[in-house]
Every structure is written in structure tokens, then in C-alpha cells.
């Protein structure tokens, strides 16, 4: 299932409705790293 995405140059973000307002995707271009901050976690978020 899709959760979140971010464009690498423009930083445009899109979220699944199920996580909107709770999860935040971000990037560090210099480190070539993407992050997913997950707040207010629910049992339904359990997944790989």
C-alpha cells in the first residue's frame, strides 16, 4: 500500500488518506536520504 512520496528536486509531498496529518515525509538531498516521521501510531499501522 502507498504511504507517502516526495519529489527529489521540488520536494512536493503526497500522502495516503490513512496517514495524512500523522505522518511526515522529508528529504536530505545532500545525504541522499528520505525520512518518514510517524506520529500517533495505531495498531493498523503495523506493517513492513
ModelCIF file with pLDDT and N, C-alpha, C, O atoms, coordinates in Angstrom:
data_MODEL
#
_entry.id   MODEL 
#
_entity.id                         1 
_entity.type                       polymer 
_entity.pdbx_number_of_molecules   1 
#
_entity_poly.entity_id                      1 
_entity_poly.type                           'polypeptide(L)' 
_entity_poly.nstd_linkage                   no 
_entity_poly.nstd_monomer                   no 
_entity_poly.pdbx_seq_one_letter_code       
;(UNK)(UNK)(UNK)(UNK)(UNK)(UNK)(UNK)(UNK)(UNK)(UNK)(UNK)(UNK)(UNK)(UNK)(UNK)(UNK)
(UNK)(UNK)(UNK)(UNK)(UNK)(UNK)(UNK)(UNK)(UNK)(UNK)(UNK)(UNK)(UNK)(UNK)(UNK)(UNK)
(UNK)(UNK)(UNK)(UNK)(UNK)(UNK)(UNK)(UNK)(UNK)(UNK)(UNK)(UNK)(UNK)(UNK)(UNK)(UNK)
;
_entity_poly.pdbx_seq_one_letter_code_can   XXXXXXXXXXXXXXXXXXXXXXXXXXXXXXXXXXXXXXXXXXXXXXXX 
_entity_poly.pdbx_strand_id                 A 
#
loop_
_entity_poly_seq.entity_id 
_entity_poly_seq.num 
_entity_poly_seq.mon_id 
_entity_poly_seq.hetero 
1 1  UNK n 
1 2  UNK n 
1 3  UNK n 
1 4  UNK n 
1 5  UNK n 
1 6  UNK n 
1 7  UNK n 
1 8  UNK n 
1 9  UNK n 
1 10 UNK n 
1 11 UNK n 
1 12 UNK n 
1 13 UNK n 
1 14 UNK n 
1 15 UNK n 
1 16 UNK n 
1 17 UNK n 
1 18 UNK n 
1 19 UNK n 
1 20 UNK n 
1 21 UNK n 
1 22 UNK n 
1 23 UNK n 
1 24 UNK n 
1 25 UNK n 
1 26 UNK n 
1 27 UNK n 
1 28 UNK n 
1 29 UNK n 
1 30 UNK n 
1 31 UNK n 
1 32 UNK n 
1 33 UNK n 
1 34 UNK n 
1 35 UNK n 
1 36 UNK n 
1 37 UNK n 
1 38 UNK n 
1 39 UNK n 
1 40 UNK n 
1 41 UNK n 
1 42 UNK n 
1 43 UNK n 
1 44 UNK n 
1 45 UNK n 
1 46 UNK n 
1 47 UNK n 
1 48 UNK n 
#
_struct_asym.id          A 
_struct_asym.entity_id   1 
#
loop_
_ma_qa_metric.id 
_ma_qa_metric.mode 
_ma_qa_metric.name 
_ma_qa_metric.software_group_id 
_ma_qa_metric.type 
1 global pLDDT . pLDDT 
2 local  pLDDT . pLDDT 
#
_ma_qa_metric_global.metric_id      1 
_ma_qa_metric_global.metric_value   95.62 
_ma_qa_metric_global.model_id       1 
_ma_qa_metric_global.ordinal_id     1 
#
loop_
_ma_qa_metric_local.label_asym_id 
_ma_qa_metric_local.label_comp_id 
_ma_qa_metric_local.label_seq_id 
_ma_qa_metric_local.metric_id 
_ma_qa_metric_local.metric_value 
_ma_qa_metric_local.model_id 
_ma_qa_metric_local.ordinal_id 
A UNK 1  2 97.00 1 1  
A UNK 2  2 97.00 1 2  
A UNK 3  2 98.00 1 3  
A UNK 4  2 98.00 1 4  
A UNK 5  2 97.00 1 5  
A UNK 6  2 96.00 1 6  
A UNK 7  2 93.00 1 7  
A UNK 8  2 88.00 1 8  
A UNK 9  2 86.00 1 9  
A UNK 10 2 88.00 1 10 
A UNK 11 2 91.00 1 11 
A UNK 12 2 94.00 1 12 
A UNK 13 2 96.00 1 13 
A UNK 14 2 96.00 1 14 
A UNK 15 2 98.00 1 15 
A UNK 16 2 97.00 1 16 
A UNK 17 2 97.00 1 17 
A UNK 18 2 97.00 1 18 
A UNK 19 2 98.00 1 19 
A UNK 20 2 97.00 1 20 
A UNK 21 2 97.00 1 21 
A UNK 22 2 98.00 1 22 
A UNK 23 2 98.00 1 23 
A UNK 24 2 98.00 1 24 
A UNK 25 2 98.00 1 25 
A UNK 26 2 97.00 1 26 
A UNK 27 2 95.00 1 27 
A UNK 28 2 92.00 1 28 
A UNK 29 2 85.00 1 29 
A UNK 30 2 89.00 1 30 
A UNK 31 2 92.00 1 31 
A UNK 32 2 91.00 1 32 
A UNK 33 2 95.00 1 33 
A UNK 34 2 96.00 1 34 
A UNK 35 2 98.00 1 35 
A UNK 36 2 98.00 1 36 
A UNK 37 2 98.00 1 37 
A UNK 38 2 98.00 1 38 
A UNK 39 2 98.00 1 39 
A UNK 40 2 98.00 1 40 
A UNK 41 2 98.00 1 41 
A UNK 42 2 98.00 1 42 
A UNK 43 2 97.00 1 43 
A UNK 44 2 97.00 1 44 
A UNK 45 2 98.00 1 45 
A UNK 46 2 98.00 1 46 
A UNK 47 2 98.00 1 47 
A UNK 48 2 98.00 1 48 
#
loop_
_atom_site.group_PDB 
_atom_site.id 
_atom_site.type_symbol 
_atom_site.label_atom_id 
_atom_site.label_alt_id 
_atom_site.label_comp_id 
_atom_site.label_asym_id 
_atom_site.label_entity_id 
_atom_site.label_seq_id 
_atom_site.pdbx_PDB_ins_code 
_atom_site.Cartn_x 
_atom_site.Cartn_y 
_atom_site.Cartn_z 
_atom_site.occupancy 
_atom_site.B_iso_or_equiv 
_atom_site.pdbx_formal_charge 
_atom_site.auth_seq_id 
_atom_site.auth_comp_id 
_atom_site.auth_asym_id 
_atom_site.auth_atom_id 
_atom_site.pdbx_PDB_model_num 
ATOM 1   N N  . UNK A 1 1  ? 0.821  -1.192 0.000  1.00 97.00 ? 1  UNK A N  1 
ATOM 2   C CA . UNK A 1 1  ? 0.000  0.000  0.000  1.00 97.00 ? 1  UNK A CA 1 
ATOM 3   C C  . UNK A 1 1  ? 0.864  1.255  0.000  1.00 97.00 ? 1  UNK A C  1 
ATOM 4   O O  . UNK A 1 1  ? 1.882  1.316  0.689  1.00 97.00 ? 1  UNK A O  1 
ATOM 5   N N  . UNK A 1 2  ? 0.454  2.254  -0.775 1.00 97.00 ? 2  UNK A N  1 
ATOM 6   C CA . UNK A 1 2  ? 1.146  3.533  -0.802 1.00 97.00 ? 2  UNK A CA 1 
ATOM 7   C C  . UNK A 1 2  ? 0.985  4.259  0.522  1.00 97.00 ? 2  UNK A C  1 
ATOM 8   O O  . UNK A 1 2  ? -0.094 4.246  1.115  1.00 97.00 ? 2  UNK A O  1 
ATOM 9   N N  . UNK A 1 3  ? 2.062  4.898  0.991  1.00 98.00 ? 3  UNK A N  1 
ATOM 10  C CA . UNK A 1 3  ? 2.034  5.666  2.228  1.00 98.00 ? 3  UNK A CA 1 
ATOM 11  C C  . UNK A 1 3  ? 2.321  7.145  1.966  1.00 98.00 ? 3  UNK A C  1 
ATOM 12  O O  . UNK A 1 3  ? 1.511  8.004  2.313  1.00 98.00 ? 3  UNK A O  1 
ATOM 13  N N  . UNK A 1 4  ? 3.466  7.445  1.357  1.00 98.00 ? 4  UNK A N  1 
ATOM 14  C CA . UNK A 1 4  ? 3.859  8.828  1.128  1.00 98.00 ? 4  UNK A CA 1 
ATOM 15  C C  . UNK A 1 4  ? 4.936  8.880  0.059  1.00 98.00 ? 4  UNK A C  1 
ATOM 16  O O  . UNK A 1 4  ? 5.643  7.898  -0.166 1.00 98.00 ? 4  UNK A O  1 
ATOM 17  N N  . UNK A 1 5  ? 5.062  10.028 -0.602 1.00 97.00 ? 5  UNK A N  1 
ATOM 18  C CA . UNK A 1 5  ? 6.096  10.220 -1.610 1.00 97.00 ? 5  UNK A CA 1 
ATOM 19  C C  . UNK A 1 5  ? 6.545  11.669 -1.604 1.00 97.00 ? 5  UNK A C  1 
ATOM 20  O O  . UNK A 1 5  ? 5.809  12.559 -1.177 1.00 97.00 ? 5  UNK A O  1 
ATOM 21  N N  . UNK A 1 6  ? 7.764  11.897 -2.082 1.00 96.00 ? 6  UNK A N  1 
ATOM 22  C CA . UNK A 1 6  ? 8.321  13.240 -2.179 1.00 96.00 ? 6  UNK A CA 1 
ATOM 23  C C  . UNK A 1 6  ? 9.164  13.316 -3.442 1.00 96.00 ? 6  UNK A C  1 
ATOM 24  O O  . UNK A 1 6  ? 9.984  12.434 -3.698 1.00 96.00 ? 6  UNK A O  1 
ATOM 25  N N  . UNK A 1 7  ? 8.966  14.369 -4.234 1.00 93.00 ? 7  UNK A N  1 
ATOM 26  C CA . UNK A 1 7  ? 9.808  14.576 -5.404 1.00 93.00 ? 7  UNK A CA 1 
ATOM 27  C C  . UNK A 1 7  ? 11.168 15.091 -4.955 1.00 93.00 ? 7  UNK A C  1 
ATOM 28  O O  . UNK A 1 7  ? 11.260 15.868 -4.005 1.00 93.00 ? 7  UNK A O  1 
ATOM 29  N N  . UNK A 1 8  ? 12.227 14.656 -5.643 1.00 88.00 ? 8  UNK A N  1 
ATOM 30  C CA . UNK A 1 8  ? 13.567 14.907 -5.136 1.00 88.00 ? 8  UNK A CA 1 
ATOM 31  C C  . UNK A 1 8  ? 14.024 16.342 -5.318 1.00 88.00 ? 8  UNK A C  1 
ATOM 32  O O  . UNK A 1 8  ? 14.735 16.872 -4.464 1.00 88.00 ? 8  UNK A O  1 
ATOM 33  N N  . UNK A 1 9  ? 13.638 16.975 -6.395 1.00 86.00 ? 9  UNK A N  1 
ATOM 34  C CA . UNK A 1 9  ? 14.059 18.345 -6.643 1.00 86.00 ? 9  UNK A CA 1 
ATOM 35  C C  . UNK A 1 9  ? 13.088 19.372 -6.068 1.00 86.00 ? 9  UNK A C  1 
ATOM 36  O O  . UNK A 1 9  ? 13.506 20.313 -5.394 1.00 86.00 ? 9  UNK A O  1 
ATOM 37  N N  . UNK A 1 10 ? 11.816 19.199 -6.328 1.00 88.00 ? 10 UNK A N  1 
ATOM 38  C CA . UNK A 1 10 ? 10.834 20.176 -5.877 1.00 88.00 ? 10 UNK A CA 1 
ATOM 39  C C  . UNK A 1 10 ? 10.337 19.961 -4.458 1.00 88.00 ? 10 UNK A C  1 
ATOM 40  O O  . UNK A 1 10 ? 9.813  20.890 -3.843 1.00 88.00 ? 10 UNK A O  1 
ATOM 41  N N  . UNK A 1 11 ? 10.492 18.761 -3.929 1.00 91.00 ? 11 UNK A N  1 
ATOM 42  C CA . UNK A 1 11 ? 10.042 18.472 -2.583 1.00 91.00 ? 11 UNK A CA 1 
ATOM 43  C C  . UNK A 1 11 ? 8.531  18.404 -2.430 1.00 91.00 ? 11 UNK A C  1 
ATOM 44  O O  . UNK A 1 11 ? 8.016  18.583 -1.326 1.00 91.00 ? 11 UNK A O  1 
ATOM 45  N N  . UNK A 1 12 ? 7.820  18.151 -3.506 1.00 94.00 ? 12 UNK A N  1 
ATOM 46  C CA . UNK A 1 12 ? 6.368  18.027 -3.427 1.00 94.00 ? 12 UNK A CA 1 
ATOM 47  C C  . UNK A 1 12 ? 5.997  16.730 -2.732 1.00 94.00 ? 12 UNK A C  1 
ATOM 48  O O  . UNK A 1 12 ? 6.569  15.678 -3.018 1.00 94.00 ? 12 UNK A O  1 
ATOM 49  N N  . UNK A 1 13 ? 5.037  16.807 -1.815 1.00 96.00 ? 13 UNK A N  1 
ATOM 50  C CA . UNK A 1 13 ? 4.672  15.677 -0.973 1.00 96.00 ? 13 UNK A CA 1 
ATOM 51  C C  . UNK A 1 13 ? 3.230  15.251 -1.213 1.00 96.00 ? 13 UNK A C  1 
ATOM 52  O O  . UNK A 1 13 ? 2.352  16.077 -1.463 1.00 96.00 ? 13 UNK A O  1 
ATOM 53  N N  . UNK A 1 14 ? 3.008  13.954 -1.132 1.00 96.00 ? 14 UNK A N  1 
ATOM 54  C CA . UNK A 1 14 ? 1.673  13.390 -1.233 1.00 96.00 ? 14 UNK A CA 1 
ATOM 55  C C  . UNK A 1 14 ? 1.557  12.259 -0.220 1.00 96.00 ? 14 UNK A C  1 
ATOM 56  O O  . UNK A 1 14 ? 2.496  11.488 -0.021 1.00 96.00 ? 14 UNK A O  1 
ATOM 57  N N  . UNK A 1 15 ? 0.381  12.171 0.423  1.00 98.00 ? 15 UNK A N  1 
ATOM 58  C CA . UNK A 1 15 ? 0.158  11.192 1.472  1.00 98.00 ? 15 UNK A CA 1 
ATOM 59  C C  . UNK A 1 15 ? -1.106 10.392 1.212  1.00 98.00 ? 15 UNK A C  1 
ATOM 60  O O  . UNK A 1 15 ? -2.064 10.885 0.618  1.00 98.00 ? 15 UNK A O  1 
ATOM 61  N N  . UNK A 1 16 ? -1.088 9.150  1.668  1.00 97.00 ? 16 UNK A N  1 
ATOM 62  C CA . UNK A 1 16 ? -2.312 8.374  1.705  1.00 97.00 ? 16 UNK A CA 1 
ATOM 63  C C  . UNK A 1 16 ? -3.254 8.967  2.739  1.00 97.00 ? 16 UNK A C  1 
ATOM 64  O O  . UNK A 1 16 ? -2.810 9.489  3.761  1.00 97.00 ? 16 UNK A O  1 
ATOM 65  N N  . UNK A 1 17 ? -4.552 8.889  2.477  1.00 97.00 ? 17 UNK A N  1 
ATOM 66  C CA . UNK A 1 17 ? -5.529 9.450  3.401  1.00 97.00 ? 17 UNK A CA 1 
ATOM 67  C C  . UNK A 1 17 ? -5.420 8.840  4.797  1.00 97.00 ? 17 UNK A C  1 
ATOM 68  O O  . UNK A 1 17 ? -5.693 9.513  5.791  1.00 97.00 ? 17 UNK A O  1 
ATOM 69  N N  . UNK A 1 18 ? -5.030 7.593  4.874  1.00 97.00 ? 18 UNK A N  1 
ATOM 70  C CA . UNK A 1 18 ? -4.976 6.902  6.147  1.00 97.00 ? 18 UNK A CA 1 
ATOM 71  C C  . UNK A 1 18 ? -3.884 7.426  7.080  1.00 97.00 ? 18 UNK A C  1 
ATOM 72  O O  . UNK A 1 18 ? -3.943 7.194  8.287  1.00 97.00 ? 18 UNK A O  1 
ATOM 73  N N  . UNK A 1 19 ? -2.889 8.128  6.534  1.00 98.00 ? 19 UNK A N  1 
ATOM 74  C CA . UNK A 1 19 ? -1.785 8.624  7.353  1.00 98.00 ? 19 UNK A CA 1 
ATOM 75  C C  . UNK A 1 19 ? -1.684 10.140 7.352  1.00 98.00 ? 19 UNK A C  1 
ATOM 76  O O  . UNK A 1 19 ? -0.865 10.701 8.079  1.00 98.00 ? 19 UNK A O  1 
ATOM 77  N N  . UNK A 1 20 ? -2.490 10.804 6.561  1.00 97.00 ? 20 UNK A N  1 
ATOM 78  C CA . UNK A 1 20 ? -2.425 12.265 6.453  1.00 97.00 ? 20 UNK A CA 1 
ATOM 79  C C  . UNK A 1 20 ? -2.689 12.911 7.808  1.00 97.00 ? 20 UNK A C  1 
ATOM 80  O O  . UNK A 1 20 ? -3.653 12.568 8.493  1.00 97.00 ? 20 UNK A O  1 
ATOM 81  N N  . UNK A 1 21 ? -1.827 13.846 8.185  1.00 97.00 ? 21 UNK A N  1 
ATOM 82  C CA . UNK A 1 21 ? -1.935 14.502 9.474  1.00 97.00 ? 21 UNK A CA 1 
ATOM 83  C C  . UNK A 1 21 ? -1.163 13.823 10.576 1.00 97.00 ? 21 UNK A C  1 
ATOM 84  O O  . UNK A 1 21 ? -0.954 14.419 11.633 1.00 97.00 ? 21 UNK A O  1 
ATOM 85  N N  . UNK A 1 22 ? -0.733 12.598 10.365 1.00 98.00 ? 22 UNK A N  1 
ATOM 86  C CA . UNK A 1 22 ? 0.038  11.861 11.357 1.00 98.00 ? 22 UNK A CA 1 
ATOM 87  C C  . UNK A 1 22 ? 1.474  11.589 10.903 1.00 98.00 ? 22 UNK A C  1 
ATOM 88  O O  . UNK A 1 22 ? 2.397  11.614 11.716 1.00 98.00 ? 22 UNK A O  1 
ATOM 89  N N  . UNK A 1 23 ? 1.662  11.333 9.617  1.00 98.00 ? 23 UNK A N  1 
ATOM 90  C CA . UNK A 1 23 ? 2.981  11.016 9.070  1.00 98.00 ? 23 UNK A CA 1 
ATOM 91  C C  . UNK A 1 23 ? 3.518  12.211 8.294  1.00 98.00 ? 23 UNK A C  1 
ATOM 92  O O  . UNK A 1 23 ? 2.753  12.977 7.707  1.00 98.00 ? 23 UNK A O  1 
ATOM 93  N N  . UNK A 1 24 ? 4.847  12.366 8.296  1.00 98.00 ? 24 UNK A N  1 
ATOM 94  C CA . UNK A 1 24 ? 5.508  13.416 7.537  1.00 98.00 ? 24 UNK A CA 1 
ATOM 95  C C  . UNK A 1 24 ? 6.707  12.839 6.805  1.00 98.00 ? 24 UNK A C  1 
ATOM 96  O O  . UNK A 1 24 ? 7.574  12.219 7.421  1.00 98.00 ? 24 UNK A O  1 
ATOM 97  N N  . UNK A 1 25 ? 6.761  13.040 5.491  1.00 98.00 ? 25 UNK A N  1 
ATOM 98  C CA . UNK A 1 25 ? 7.901  12.612 4.705  1.00 98.00 ? 25 UNK A CA 1 
ATOM 99  C C  . UNK A 1 25 ? 8.804  13.815 4.467  1.00 98.00 ? 25 UNK A C  1 
ATOM 100 O O  . UNK A 1 25 ? 8.321  14.927 4.255  1.00 98.00 ? 25 UNK A O  1 
ATOM 101 N N  . UNK A 1 26 ? 10.106 13.593 4.502  1.00 97.00 ? 26 UNK A N  1 
ATOM 102 C CA . UNK A 1 26 ? 11.067 14.658 4.269  1.00 97.00 ? 26 UNK A CA 1 
ATOM 103 C C  . UNK A 1 26 ? 12.308 14.076 3.610  1.00 97.00 ? 26 UNK A C  1 
ATOM 104 O O  . UNK A 1 26 ? 12.466 12.859 3.526  1.00 97.00 ? 26 UNK A O  1 
ATOM 105 N N  . UNK A 1 27 ? 13.185 14.957 3.145  1.00 95.00 ? 27 UNK A N  1 
ATOM 106 C CA . UNK A 1 27 ? 14.380 14.502 2.457  1.00 95.00 ? 27 UNK A CA 1 
ATOM 107 C C  . UNK A 1 27 ? 15.580 15.357 2.831  1.00 95.00 ? 27 UNK A C  1 
ATOM 108 O O  . UNK A 1 27 ? 15.433 16.509 3.239  1.00 95.00 ? 27 UNK A O  1 
ATOM 109 N N  . UNK A 1 28 ? 16.767 14.781 2.686  1.00 92.00 ? 28 UNK A N  1 
ATOM 110 C CA . UNK A 1 28 ? 18.031 15.482 2.811  1.00 92.00 ? 28 UNK A CA 1 
ATOM 111 C C  . UNK A 1 28 ? 18.799 15.173 1.535  1.00 92.00 ? 28 UNK A C  1 
ATOM 112 O O  . UNK A 1 28 ? 19.411 14.111 1.417  1.00 92.00 ? 28 UNK A O  1 
ATOM 113 N N  . UNK A 1 29 ? 18.769 16.091 0.585  1.00 85.00 ? 29 UNK A N  1 
ATOM 114 C CA . UNK A 1 29 ? 19.364 15.836 -0.724 1.00 85.00 ? 29 UNK A CA 1 
ATOM 115 C C  . UNK A 1 29 ? 20.872 15.597 -0.630 1.00 85.00 ? 29 UNK A C  1 
ATOM 116 O O  . UNK A 1 29 ? 21.412 14.761 -1.355 1.00 85.00 ? 29 UNK A O  1 
ATOM 117 N N  . UNK A 1 30 ? 21.554 16.328 0.260  1.00 89.00 ? 30 UNK A N  1 
ATOM 118 C CA . UNK A 1 30 ? 22.992 16.172 0.395  1.00 89.00 ? 30 UNK A CA 1 
ATOM 119 C C  . UNK A 1 30 ? 23.368 14.780 0.876  1.00 89.00 ? 30 UNK A C  1 
ATOM 120 O O  . UNK A 1 30 ? 24.411 14.249 0.496  1.00 89.00 ? 30 UNK A O  1 
ATOM 121 N N  . UNK A 1 31 ? 22.524 14.189 1.710  1.00 92.00 ? 31 UNK A N  1 
ATOM 122 C CA . UNK A 1 31 ? 22.783 12.859 2.242  1.00 92.00 ? 31 UNK A CA 1 
ATOM 123 C C  . UNK A 1 31 ? 22.086 11.759 1.454  1.00 92.00 ? 31 UNK A C  1 
ATOM 124 O O  . UNK A 1 31 ? 22.233 10.579 1.773  1.00 92.00 ? 31 UNK A O  1 
ATOM 125 N N  . UNK A 1 32 ? 21.327 12.139 0.426  1.00 91.00 ? 32 UNK A N  1 
ATOM 126 C CA . UNK A 1 32 ? 20.566 11.173 -0.365 1.00 91.00 ? 32 UNK A CA 1 
ATOM 127 C C  . UNK A 1 32 ? 19.706 10.289 0.540  1.00 91.00 ? 32 UNK A C  1 
ATOM 128 O O  . UNK A 1 32 ? 19.677 9.068  0.393  1.00 91.00 ? 32 UNK A O  1 
ATOM 129 N N  . UNK A 1 33 ? 19.018 10.921 1.461  1.00 95.00 ? 33 UNK A N  1 
ATOM 130 C CA . UNK A 1 33 ? 18.256 10.204 2.467  1.00 95.00 ? 33 UNK A CA 1 
ATOM 131 C C  . UNK A 1 33 ? 16.832 10.749 2.541  1.00 95.00 ? 33 UNK A C  1 
ATOM 132 O O  . UNK A 1 33 ? 16.612 11.957 2.460  1.00 95.00 ? 33 UNK A O  1 
ATOM 133 N N  . UNK A 1 34 ? 15.885 9.854  2.694  1.00 96.00 ? 34 UNK A N  1 
ATOM 134 C CA . UNK A 1 34 ? 14.492 10.216 2.898  1.00 96.00 ? 34 UNK A CA 1 
ATOM 135 C C  . UNK A 1 34 ? 14.055 9.690  4.258  1.00 96.00 ? 34 UNK A C  1 
ATOM 136 O O  . UNK A 1 34 ? 14.503 8.631  4.697  1.00 96.00 ? 34 UNK A O  1 
ATOM 137 N N  . UNK A 1 35 ? 13.174 10.440 4.922  1.00 98.00 ? 35 UNK A N  1 
ATOM 138 C CA . UNK A 1 35 ? 12.711 10.091 6.249  1.00 98.00 ? 35 UNK A CA 1 
ATOM 139 C C  . UNK A 1 35 ? 11.188 9.990  6.262  1.00 98.00 ? 35 UNK A C  1 
ATOM 140 O O  . UNK A 1 35 ? 10.500 10.611 5.452  1.00 98.00 ? 35 UNK A O  1 
ATOM 141 N N  . UNK A 1 36 ? 10.687 9.202  7.191  1.00 98.00 ? 36 UNK A N  1 
ATOM 142 C CA . UNK A 1 36 ? 9.261  9.133  7.433  1.00 98.00 ? 36 UNK A CA 1 
ATOM 143 C C  . UNK A 1 36 ? 9.034  9.246  8.935  1.00 98.00 ? 36 UNK A C  1 
ATOM 144 O O  . UNK A 1 36 ? 9.288  8.301  9.682  1.00 98.00 ? 36 UNK A O  1 
ATOM 145 N N  . UNK A 1 37 ? 8.554  10.409 9.371  1.00 98.00 ? 37 UNK A N  1 
ATOM 146 C CA . UNK A 1 37 ? 8.210  10.624 10.766 1.00 98.00 ? 37 UNK A CA 1 
ATOM 147 C C  . UNK A 1 37 ? 6.781  10.169 10.984 1.00 98.00 ? 37 UNK A C  1 
ATOM 148 O O  . UNK A 1 37 ? 5.860  10.691 10.356 1.00 98.00 ? 37 UNK A O  1 
ATOM 149 N N  . UNK A 1 38 ? 6.591  9.206  11.864 1.00 98.00 ? 38 UNK A N  1 
ATOM 150 C CA . UNK A 1 38 ? 5.287  8.621  12.112 1.00 98.00 ? 38 UNK A CA 1 
ATOM 151 C C  . UNK A 1 38 ? 4.860  8.944  13.541 1.00 98.00 ? 38 UNK A C  1 
ATOM 152 O O  . UNK A 1 38 ? 5.474  8.475  14.499 1.00 98.00 ? 38 UNK A O  1 
ATOM 153 N N  . UNK A 1 39 ? 3.812  9.741  13.679 1.00 98.00 ? 39 UNK A N  1 
ATOM 154 C CA . UNK A 1 39 ? 3.274  10.127 14.976 1.00 98.00 ? 39 UNK A CA 1 
ATOM 155 C C  . UNK A 1 39 ? 1.897  9.509  15.182 1.00 98.00 ? 39 UNK A C  1 
ATOM 156 O O  . UNK A 1 39 ? 1.248  9.077  14.229 1.00 98.00 ? 39 UNK A O  1 
ATOM 157 N N  . UNK A 1 40 ? 1.466  9.473  16.430 1.00 98.00 ? 40 UNK A N  1 
ATOM 158 C CA . UNK A 1 40 ? 0.146  8.943  16.780 1.00 98.00 ? 40 UNK A CA 1 
ATOM 159 C C  . UNK A 1 40 ? -0.101 7.588  16.139 1.00 98.00 ? 40 UNK A C  1 
ATOM 160 O O  . UNK A 1 40 ? -1.145 7.358  15.528 1.00 98.00 ? 40 UNK A O  1 
ATOM 161 N N  . UNK A 1 41 ? 0.851  6.711  16.281 1.00 98.00 ? 41 UNK A N  1 
ATOM 162 C CA . UNK A 1 41 ? 0.773  5.401  15.636 1.00 98.00 ? 41 UNK A CA 1 
ATOM 163 C C  . UNK A 1 41 ? -0.395 4.585  16.173 1.00 98.00 ? 41 UNK A C  1 
ATOM 164 O O  . UNK A 1 41 ? -0.730 4.650  17.355 1.00 98.00 ? 41 UNK A O  1 
ATOM 165 N N  . UNK A 1 42 ? -1.002 3.819  15.280 1.00 98.00 ? 42 UNK A N  1 
ATOM 166 C CA . UNK A 1 42 ? -2.133 2.965  15.590 1.00 98.00 ? 42 UNK A CA 1 
ATOM 167 C C  . UNK A 1 42 ? -1.771 1.515  15.288 1.00 98.00 ? 42 UNK A C  1 
ATOM 168 O O  . UNK A 1 42 ? -0.872 1.259  14.488 1.00 98.00 ? 42 UNK A O  1 
ATOM 169 N N  . UNK A 1 43 ? -2.454 0.568  15.914 1.00 97.00 ? 43 UNK A N  1 
ATOM 170 C CA . UNK A 1 43 ? -2.209 -0.838 15.570 1.00 97.00 ? 43 UNK A CA 1 
ATOM 171 C C  . UNK A 1 43 ? -2.387 -1.120 14.080 1.00 97.00 ? 43 UNK A C  1 
ATOM 172 O O  . UNK A 1 43 ? -1.717 -2.000 13.539 1.00 97.00 ? 43 UNK A O  1 
ATOM 173 N N  . UNK A 1 44 ? -3.280 -0.388 13.405 1.00 97.00 ? 44 UNK A N  1 
ATOM 174 C CA . UNK A 1 44 ? -3.487 -0.570 11.977 1.00 97.00 ? 44 UNK A CA 1 
ATOM 175 C C  . UNK A 1 44 ? -2.280 -0.165 11.144 1.00 97.00 ? 44 UNK A C  1 
ATOM 176 O O  . UNK A 1 44 ? -2.208 -0.507 9.964  1.00 97.00 ? 44 UNK A O  1 
ATOM 177 N N  . UNK A 1 45 ? -1.330 0.557  11.734 1.00 98.00 ? 45 UNK A N  1 
ATOM 178 C CA . UNK A 1 45 ? -0.110 0.931  11.030 1.00 98.00 ? 45 UNK A CA 1 
ATOM 179 C C  . UNK A 1 45 ? 0.918  -0.196 11.012 1.00 98.00 ? 45 UNK A C  1 
ATOM 180 O O  . UNK A 1 45 ? 1.945  -0.080 10.344 1.00 98.00 ? 45 UNK A O  1 
ATOM 181 N N  . UNK A 1 46 ? 0.660  -1.266 11.725 1.00 98.00 ? 46 UNK A N  1 
ATOM 182 C CA . UNK A 1 46 ? 1.587  -2.385 11.773 1.00 98.00 ? 46 UNK A CA 1 
ATOM 183 C C  . UNK A 1 46 ? 1.782  -2.972 10.379 1.00 98.00 ? 46 UNK A C  1 
ATOM 184 O O  . UNK A 1 46 ? 0.819  -3.374 9.726  1.00 98.00 ? 46 UNK A O  1 
ATOM 185 N N  . UNK A 1 47 ? 3.032  -3.019 9.930  1.00 98.00 ? 47 UNK A N  1 
ATOM 186 C CA . UNK A 1 47 ? 3.342  -3.496 8.586  1.00 98.00 ? 47 UNK A CA 1 
ATOM 187 C C  . UNK A 1 47 ? 4.846  -3.498 8.393  1.00 98.00 ? 47 UNK A C  1 
ATOM 188 O O  . UNK A 1 47 ? 5.594  -2.960 9.210  1.00 98.00 ? 47 UNK A O  1 
ATOM 189 N N  . UNK A 1 48 ? 5.276  -4.107 7.307  1.00 98.00 ? 48 UNK A N  1 
ATOM 190 C CA . UNK A 1 48 ? 6.637  -3.935 6.830  1.00 98.00 ? 48 UNK A CA 1 
ATOM 191 C C  . UNK A 1 48 ? 6.654  -2.701 5.941  1.00 98.00 ? 48 UNK A C  1 
ATOM 192 O O  . UNK A 1 48 ? 7.703  -2.339 5.408  1.00 98.00 ? 48 UNK A O  1 
#
